[in-house]
Amino acid sequence: MDLFSHSWTALLTTIAELPDEDFDRPSGCTGWLVRDLVCHLVIDAQDVLITLVTPAPDAEPTVDAVTYWDVLTEPPTGDDPLDALIPRLAAAYGDPALLKFHLDDVGSAAGRAARLADPAARVSTRDEVLTVEDYLSAYVLEWTLHHLDLIARLPHPARLPPAETLAAARALLEAIAGTPFPAAFSDTDALLVGTGRRTPTEAETAALGDELAATIPLVLG
């Protein structure tokens, strides 16, 4: 629960500190500008709020923090109606200050709802049931990856994800992969290489070994 708050607070703070001109720069998400990614996070925050008030007290969990994630066979193409909507919706904000305000408003509410939620309670989302603890743990990976996406192409230093959330996100990605990444990989490199956000070097490919190298990138949906 604390890791969710740490990762989300760090991401919101980083966005609040961005100068307006950064919103028109590319993000680490292929085809998305920073403003598109921030708009996506508004919708993510809404999803958190919706899920936390969609109880499933009488249902057994069908997924946990690991199996919540679908591993896709290929990256999204942008043809999905919601994915295609994001750039148009982001552009409609015009002034980055309006987008920052909306994210802070909805995002702060999502953060409060997460802190107030019972970790053992069961909730429903995406036609699945899982505990609040598992749901919020899954989102630590989401927030951490998108934090790295946010700062990936900025021409200046920016706030990094907290070390503890990088470590937790790596551990969850390793659980999804079914094997650990080499100890020589930093948590950031494991996340970037493991999800296809960065191509491994020859040395990194050798360190991964044939089995893990054949498994990645893990395209999560």
C-alpha atoms as a PDB file:
ATOM      1  CA  MET A   1       0.000   0.000   0.000  1.00  0.00           C
ATOM      2  CA  ASP A   2       2.850   2.397   0.864  1.00  0.00           C
ATOM      3  CA  LEU A   3       4.638   1.562  -2.371  1.00  0.00           C
ATOM      4  CA  PHE A   4       1.542   2.535  -4.341  1.00  0.00           C
ATOM      5  CA  SER A   5       1.461   5.913  -2.589  1.00  0.00           C
ATOM      6  CA  HIS A   6       5.201   6.474  -3.020  1.00  0.00           C
ATOM      7  CA  SER A   7       5.175   5.641  -6.728  1.00  0.00           C
ATOM      8  CA  TRP A   8       2.036   7.665  -7.462  1.00  0.00           C
ATOM      9  CA  THR A   9       3.112  10.696  -5.440  1.00  0.00           C
ATOM     10  CA  ALA A  10       6.517  10.732  -7.139  1.00  0.00           C
ATOM     11  CA  LEU A  11       4.896  10.558 -10.568  1.00  0.00           C
ATOM     12  CA  LEU A  12       2.377  13.329  -9.829  1.00  0.00           C
ATOM     13  CA  THR A  13       5.120  15.532  -8.361  1.00  0.00           C
ATOM     14  CA  THR A  14       7.340  15.034 -11.395  1.00  0.00           C
ATOM     15  CA  ILE A  15       4.513  16.026 -13.749  1.00  0.00           C
ATOM     16  CA  ALA A  16       3.662  19.084 -11.657  1.00  0.00           C
ATOM     17  CA  GLU A  17       7.286  20.239 -11.934  1.00  0.00           C
ATOM     18  CA  LEU A  18       7.515  19.914 -15.732  1.00  0.00           C
ATOM     19  CA  PRO A  19       7.768  23.158 -17.681  1.00  0.00           C
ATOM     20  CA  ASP A  20       5.004  23.636 -20.233  1.00  0.00           C
ATOM     21  CA  GLU A  21       7.304  23.070 -23.213  1.00  0.00           C
ATOM     22  CA  ASP A  22       7.976  19.502 -22.077  1.00  0.00           C
ATOM     23  CA  PHE A  23       4.377  18.519 -22.814  1.00  0.00           C
ATOM     24  CA  ASP A  24       5.073  18.665 -26.542  1.00  0.00           C
ATOM     25  CA  ARG A  25       8.173  16.470 -26.315  1.00  0.00           C
ATOM     26  CA  PRO A  26       8.127  12.734 -27.118  1.00  0.00           C
ATOM     27  CA  SER A  27       7.624  10.331 -24.226  1.00  0.00           C
ATOM     28  CA  GLY A  28       8.985   6.831 -23.864  1.00  0.00           C
ATOM     29  CA  CYS A  29       5.630   5.461 -25.095  1.00  0.00           C
ATOM     30  CA  THR A  30       5.917   4.972 -28.851  1.00  0.00           C
ATOM     31  CA  GLY A  31       3.784   7.514 -30.703  1.00  0.00           C
ATOM     32  CA  TRP A  32       2.814   9.473 -27.586  1.00  0.00           C
ATOM     33  CA  LEU A  33       3.929  12.916 -26.521  1.00  0.00           C
ATOM     34  CA  VAL A  34       4.346  13.707 -22.845  1.00  0.00           C
ATOM     35  CA  ARG A  35       0.907  15.345 -22.859  1.00  0.00           C
ATOM     36  CA  ASP A  36      -0.617  12.134 -24.259  1.00  0.00           C
ATOM     37  CA  LEU A  37       0.980  10.089 -21.490  1.00  0.00           C
ATOM     38  CA  VAL A  38      -0.277  12.519 -18.842  1.00  0.00           C
ATOM     39  CA  CYS A  39      -3.775  12.290 -20.317  1.00  0.00           C
ATOM     40  CA  HIS A  40      -3.531   8.497 -20.143  1.00  0.00           C
ATOM     41  CA  LEU A  41      -2.649   8.824 -16.461  1.00  0.00           C
ATOM     42  CA  VAL A  42      -5.837  10.822 -15.868  1.00  0.00           C
ATOM     43  CA  ILE A  43      -7.795   7.850 -17.196  1.00  0.00           C
ATOM     44  CA  ASP A  44      -5.676   5.455 -15.122  1.00  0.00           C
ATOM     45  CA  ALA A  45      -6.504   7.468 -12.008  1.00  0.00           C
ATOM     46  CA  GLN A  46     -10.187   7.274 -12.884  1.00  0.00           C
ATOM     47  CA  ASP A  47      -9.831   3.490 -13.266  1.00  0.00           C
ATOM     48  CA  VAL A  48      -8.317   3.265  -9.785  1.00  0.00           C
ATOM     49  CA  LEU A  49     -11.200   5.226  -8.306  1.00  0.00           C
ATOM     50  CA  ILE A  50     -13.780   3.122 -10.152  1.00  0.00           C
ATOM     51  CA  THR A  51     -12.185  -0.165  -9.133  1.00  0.00           C
ATOM     52  CA  LEU A  52     -11.830   0.749  -5.467  1.00  0.00           C
ATOM     53  CA  VAL A  53     -15.588   1.416  -5.288  1.00  0.00           C
ATOM     54  CA  THR A  54     -16.508  -1.764  -7.161  1.00  0.00           C
ATOM     55  CA  PRO A  55     -16.512  -4.324  -4.347  1.00  0.00           C
ATOM     56  CA  ALA A  56     -16.786  -8.057  -4.896  1.00  0.00           C
ATOM     57  CA  PRO A  57     -17.058  -9.303  -1.288  1.00  0.00           C
ATOM     58  CA  ASP A  58     -18.607 -12.674  -2.106  1.00  0.00           C
ATOM     59  CA  ALA A  59     -16.338 -13.633  -5.009  1.00  0.00           C
ATOM     60  CA  GLU A  60     -13.074 -15.525  -4.841  1.00  0.00           C
ATOM     61  CA  PRO A  61     -10.041 -13.779  -6.380  1.00  0.00           C
ATOM     62  CA  THR A  62      -9.409 -14.831  -9.964  1.00  0.00           C
ATOM     63  CA  VAL A  63      -6.064 -13.025 -10.355  1.00  0.00           C
ATOM     64  CA  ASP A  64      -3.316 -11.540  -8.197  1.00  0.00           C
ATOM     65  CA  ALA A  65      -0.748  -8.781  -8.790  1.00  0.00           C
ATOM     66  CA  VAL A  66       1.196 -11.005 -11.187  1.00  0.00           C
ATOM     67  CA  THR A  67      -1.592 -12.664 -13.158  1.00  0.00           C
ATOM     68  CA  TYR A  68      -3.500  -9.362 -13.382  1.00  0.00           C
ATOM     69  CA  TRP A  69      -1.200  -8.517 -16.284  1.00  0.00           C
ATOM     70  CA  ASP A  70      -1.784  -9.870 -19.776  1.00  0.00           C
ATOM     71  CA  VAL A  71       1.410 -10.490 -21.732  1.00  0.00           C
ATOM     72  CA  LEU A  72       0.623  -9.390 -25.277  1.00  0.00           C
ATOM     73  CA  THR A  73       2.149 -10.972 -28.358  1.00  0.00           C
ATOM     74  CA  GLU A  74       2.974  -7.573 -29.888  1.00  0.00           C
ATOM     75  CA  PRO A  75       2.965  -3.899 -28.850  1.00  0.00           C
ATOM     76  CA  PRO A  76      -0.245  -1.875 -29.188  1.00  0.00           C
ATOM     77  CA  THR A  77      -0.653  -0.328 -32.640  1.00  0.00           C
ATOM     78  CA  GLY A  78      -2.710   2.651 -31.513  1.00  0.00           C
ATOM     79  CA  ASP A  79      -5.756   1.334 -33.371  1.00  0.00           C
ATOM     80  CA  ASP A  80      -7.633   0.506 -30.175  1.00  0.00           C
ATOM     81  CA  PRO A  81     -10.417   3.120 -29.860  1.00  0.00           C
ATOM     82  CA  LEU A  82      -9.305   4.257 -26.391  1.00  0.00           C
ATOM     83  CA  ASP A  83      -5.644   4.440 -27.419  1.00  0.00           C
ATOM     84  CA  ALA A  84      -6.616   6.468 -30.491  1.00  0.00           C
ATOM     85  CA  LEU A  85      -8.713   8.809 -28.339  1.00  0.00           C
ATOM     86  CA  ILE A  86      -5.849   9.735 -25.997  1.00  0.00           C
ATOM     87  CA  PRO A  87      -3.882  12.091 -28.328  1.00  0.00           C
ATOM     88  CA  ARG A  88      -7.062  13.889 -29.414  1.00  0.00           C
ATOM     89  CA  LEU A  89      -8.224  14.301 -25.828  1.00  0.00           C
ATOM     90  CA  ALA A  90      -4.786  15.473 -24.700  1.00  0.00           C
ATOM     91  CA  ALA A  91      -4.630  18.062 -27.495  1.00  0.00           C
ATOM     92  CA  ALA A  92      -8.070  19.362 -26.519  1.00  0.00           C
ATOM     93  CA  TYR A  93      -6.711  20.538 -23.173  1.00  0.00           C
ATOM     94  CA  GLY A  94      -4.568  23.114 -24.977  1.00  0.00           C
ATOM     95  CA  ASP A  95      -2.888  24.722 -21.987  1.00  0.00           C
ATOM     96  CA  PRO A  96      -0.708  22.185 -20.101  1.00  0.00           C
ATOM     97  CA  ALA A  97      -1.820  23.834 -16.856  1.00  0.00           C
ATOM     98  CA  LEU A  98      -5.344  22.506 -17.419  1.00  0.00           C
ATOM     99  CA  LEU A  99      -4.039  18.984 -17.906  1.00  0.00           C
ATOM    100  CA  LYS A 100      -1.858  19.291 -14.806  1.00  0.00           C
ATOM    101  CA  PHE A 101      -4.855  20.545 -12.814  1.00  0.00           C
ATOM    102  CA  HIS A 102      -7.099  17.696 -13.934  1.00  0.00           C
ATOM    103  CA  LEU A 103      -4.465  15.060 -13.168  1.00  0.00           C
ATOM    104  CA  ASP A 104      -3.747  16.571  -9.758  1.00  0.00           C
ATOM    105  CA  ASP A 105      -7.466  16.715  -8.966  1.00  0.00           C
ATOM    106  CA  VAL A 106      -8.342  13.160 -10.010  1.00  0.00           C
ATOM    107  CA  GLY A 107      -4.930  11.767  -9.081  1.00  0.00           C
ATOM    108  CA  SER A 108      -5.053  13.128  -5.545  1.00  0.00           C
ATOM    109  CA  ALA A 109      -8.483  11.562  -5.097  1.00  0.00           C
ATOM    110  CA  ALA A 110      -7.170   8.213  -6.325  1.00  0.00           C
ATOM    111  CA  GLY A 111      -4.291   8.439  -3.881  1.00  0.00           C
ATOM    112  CA  ARG A 112      -6.625   9.188  -0.968  1.00  0.00           C
ATOM    113  CA  ALA A 113      -8.944   6.344  -1.942  1.00  0.00           C
ATOM    114  CA  ALA A 114      -6.019   3.933  -2.015  1.00  0.00           C
ATOM    115  CA  ARG A 115      -4.849   4.983   1.456  1.00  0.00           C
ATOM    116  CA  LEU A 116      -8.374   4.542   2.861  1.00  0.00           C
ATOM    117  CA  ALA A 117      -9.047   1.166   1.239  1.00  0.00           C
ATOM    118  CA  ASP A 118      -8.953  -2.136   3.123  1.00  0.00           C
ATOM    119  CA  PRO A 119      -6.034  -4.142   1.663  1.00  0.00           C
ATOM    120  CA  ALA A 120      -7.901  -7.412   2.162  1.00  0.00           C
ATOM    121  CA  ALA A 121     -11.111  -6.254   0.476  1.00  0.00           C
ATOM    122  CA  ARG A 122     -11.953  -7.761  -2.893  1.00  0.00           C
ATOM    123  CA  VAL A 123     -12.691  -5.604  -5.893  1.00  0.00           C
ATOM    124  CA  SER A 124     -13.640  -6.238  -9.496  1.00  0.00           C
ATOM    125  CA  THR A 125     -12.047  -4.854 -12.647  1.00  0.00           C
ATOM    126  CA  ARG A 126     -11.626  -6.066 -16.236  1.00  0.00           C
ATOM    127  CA  ASP A 127     -14.028  -8.947 -15.450  1.00  0.00           C
ATOM    128  CA  GLU A 128     -11.600 -10.209 -12.786  1.00  0.00           C
ATOM    129  CA  VAL A 129     -11.618 -10.206  -8.980  1.00  0.00           C
ATOM    130  CA  LEU A 130      -8.589  -9.499  -6.812  1.00  0.00           C
ATOM    131  CA  THR A 131      -7.728  -8.031  -3.440  1.00  0.00           C
ATOM    132  CA  VAL A 132      -7.119  -4.324  -3.065  1.00  0.00           C
ATOM    133  CA  GLU A 133      -3.557  -5.100  -2.008  1.00  0.00           C
ATOM    134  CA  ASP A 134      -2.878  -7.046  -5.203  1.00  0.00           C
ATOM    135  CA  TYR A 135      -4.586  -4.426  -7.347  1.00  0.00           C
ATOM    136  CA  LEU A 136      -2.541  -1.576  -5.917  1.00  0.00           C
ATOM    137  CA  SER A 137       0.635  -3.674  -6.102  1.00  0.00           C
ATOM    138  CA  ALA A 138       0.027  -4.181  -9.817  1.00  0.00           C
ATOM    139  CA  TYR A 139      -0.234  -0.435 -10.232  1.00  0.00           C
ATOM    140  CA  VAL A 140       3.199   0.110  -8.673  1.00  0.00           C
ATOM    141  CA  LEU A 141       4.545  -1.451 -11.873  1.00  0.00           C
ATOM    142  CA  GLU A 142       2.255   0.739 -13.999  1.00  0.00           C
ATOM    143  CA  TRP A 143       3.246   3.968 -12.273  1.00  0.00           C
ATOM    144  CA  THR A 144       6.954   3.151 -12.256  1.00  0.00           C
ATOM    145  CA  LEU A 145       7.087   2.242 -15.943  1.00  0.00           C
ATOM    146  CA  HIS A 146       5.156   5.354 -16.900  1.00  0.00           C
ATOM    147  CA  HIS A 147       7.404   7.499 -14.712  1.00  0.00           C
ATOM    148  CA  LEU A 148      10.343   6.186 -16.747  1.00  0.00           C
ATOM    149  CA  ASP A 149       8.340   6.852 -19.935  1.00  0.00           C
ATOM    150  CA  LEU A 150       7.629  10.396 -18.804  1.00  0.00           C
ATOM    151  CA  ILE A 151      11.278  11.383 -18.372  1.00  0.00           C
ATOM    152  CA  ALA A 152      12.748   9.219 -21.143  1.00  0.00           C
ATOM    153  CA  ARG A 153      13.170  11.970 -23.754  1.00  0.00           C
ATOM    154  CA  LEU A 154      13.445  15.081 -21.617  1.00  0.00           C
ATOM    155  CA  PRO A 155      16.499  17.247 -22.372  1.00  0.00           C
ATOM    156  CA  HIS A 156      17.059  18.026 -18.696  1.00  0.00           C
ATOM    157  CA  PRO A 157      17.326  16.061 -15.440  1.00  0.00           C
ATOM    158  CA  ALA A 158      14.010  15.144 -13.859  1.00  0.00           C
ATOM    159  CA  ARG A 159      12.860  13.437 -10.683  1.00  0.00           C
ATOM    160  CA  LEU A 160      13.427   9.664 -10.889  1.00  0.00           C
ATOM    161  CA  PRO A 161      11.067   6.998  -9.513  1.00  0.00           C
ATOM    162  CA  PRO A 162      11.834   6.160  -5.878  1.00  0.00           C
ATOM    163  CA  ALA A 163      14.417   3.386  -5.443  1.00  0.00           C
ATOM    164  CA  GLU A 164      12.021   1.215  -3.434  1.00  0.00           C
ATOM    165  CA  THR A 165       9.326   1.354  -6.115  1.00  0.00           C
ATOM    166  CA  LEU A 166      11.862   0.580  -8.853  1.00  0.00           C
ATOM    167  CA  ALA A 167      12.884  -2.499  -6.867  1.00  0.00           C
ATOM    168  CA  ALA A 168       9.265  -3.554  -6.302  1.00  0.00           C
ATOM    169  CA  ALA A 169       8.393  -3.052  -9.969  1.00  0.00           C
ATOM    170  CA  ARG A 170      11.395  -5.122 -11.007  1.00  0.00           C
ATOM    171  CA  ALA A 171      10.392  -7.919  -8.613  1.00  0.00           C
ATOM    172  CA  LEU A 172       6.880  -7.985 -10.070  1.00  0.00           C
ATOM    173  CA  LEU A 173       8.204  -7.997 -13.646  1.00  0.00           C
ATOM    174  CA  GLU A 174      10.503 -10.895 -12.745  1.00  0.00           C
ATOM    175  CA  ALA A 175       7.523 -12.773 -11.317  1.00  0.00           C
ATOM    176  CA  ILE A 176       5.642 -12.184 -14.579  1.00  0.00           C
ATOM    177  CA  ALA A 177       8.660 -13.383 -16.545  1.00  0.00           C
ATOM    178  CA  GLY A 178       9.015 -16.399 -14.265  1.00  0.00           C
ATOM    179  CA  THR A 179      12.741 -15.797 -13.768  1.00  0.00           C
ATOM    180  CA  PRO A 180      14.999 -13.082 -12.362  1.00  0.00           C
ATOM    181  CA  PHE A 181      16.966 -10.665 -14.476  1.00  0.00           C
ATOM    182  CA  PRO A 182      20.754 -10.743 -14.108  1.00  0.00           C
ATOM    183  CA  ALA A 183      21.995  -9.174 -10.897  1.00  0.00           C
ATOM    184  CA  ALA A 184      24.268  -6.913 -12.964  1.00  0.00           C
ATOM    185  CA  PHE A 185      21.172  -5.167 -14.366  1.00  0.00           C
ATOM    186  CA  SER A 186      20.069  -2.100 -12.432  1.00  0.00           C
ATOM    187  CA  ASP A 187      16.381  -2.017 -11.564  1.00  0.00           C
ATOM    188  CA  THR A 188      15.840   0.651 -14.225  1.00  0.00           C
ATOM    189  CA  ASP A 189      17.661  -1.358 -16.900  1.00  0.00           C
ATOM    190  CA  ALA A 190      15.726  -4.514 -16.001  1.00  0.00           C
ATOM    191  CA  LEU A 191      12.436  -2.641 -16.421  1.00  0.00           C
ATOM    192  CA  LEU A 192      13.412  -0.884 -19.645  1.00  0.00           C
ATOM    193  CA  VAL A 193      14.949  -3.917 -21.320  1.00  0.00           C
ATOM    194  CA  GLY A 194      12.388  -6.346 -19.914  1.00  0.00           C
ATOM    195  CA  THR A 195       9.441  -4.416 -21.330  1.00  0.00           C
ATOM    196  CA  GLY A 196      11.084  -3.550 -24.641  1.00  0.00           C
ATOM    197  CA  ARG A 197      11.528   0.113 -23.855  1.00  0.00           C
ATOM    198  CA  ARG A 198      15.224  -0.227 -24.599  1.00  0.00           C
ATOM    199  CA  THR A 199      17.123  -2.677 -26.813  1.00  0.00           C
ATOM    200  CA  PRO A 200      19.681  -4.666 -24.811  1.00  0.00           C
ATOM    201  CA  THR A 201      23.339  -4.273 -25.641  1.00  0.00           C
ATOM    202  CA  GLU A 202      25.302  -7.293 -26.837  1.00  0.00           C
ATOM    203  CA  ALA A 203      26.719  -7.731 -23.347  1.00  0.00           C
ATOM    204  CA  GLU A 204      23.253  -7.511 -21.792  1.00  0.00           C
ATOM    205  CA  THR A 205      21.865 -10.038 -24.282  1.00  0.00           C
ATOM    206  CA  ALA A 206      24.651 -12.439 -23.357  1.00  0.00           C
ATOM    207  CA  ALA A 207      23.965 -11.896 -19.645  1.00  0.00           C
ATOM    208  CA  LEU A 208      20.252 -12.557 -20.134  1.00  0.00           C
ATOM    209  CA  GLY A 209      20.888 -16.048 -21.485  1.00  0.00           C
ATOM    210  CA  ASP A 210      19.005 -17.737 -24.272  1.00  0.00           C
ATOM    211  CA  GLU A 211      15.844 -18.536 -22.294  1.00  0.00           C
ATOM    212  CA  LEU A 212      15.214 -15.085 -20.838  1.00  0.00           C
ATOM    213  CA  ALA A 213      16.354 -13.299 -24.003  1.00  0.00           C
ATOM    214  CA  ALA A 214      13.739 -15.288 -25.926  1.00  0.00           C
ATOM    215  CA  THR A 215      11.049 -14.330 -23.403  1.00  0.00           C
ATOM    216  CA  ILE A 216      11.461 -10.557 -23.574  1.00  0.00           C
ATOM    217  CA  PRO A 217      10.216  -8.046 -24.307  1.00  0.00           C
ATOM    218  CA  LEU A 218       7.229  -8.521 -22.044  1.00  0.00           C
ATOM    219  CA  VAL A 219       4.502  -6.325 -23.540  1.00  0.00           C
ATOM    220  CA  LEU A 220       2.036  -5.822 -20.711  1.00  0.00           C
ATOM    221  CA  GLY A 221      -1.622  -5.010 -21.103  1.00  0.00           C
END
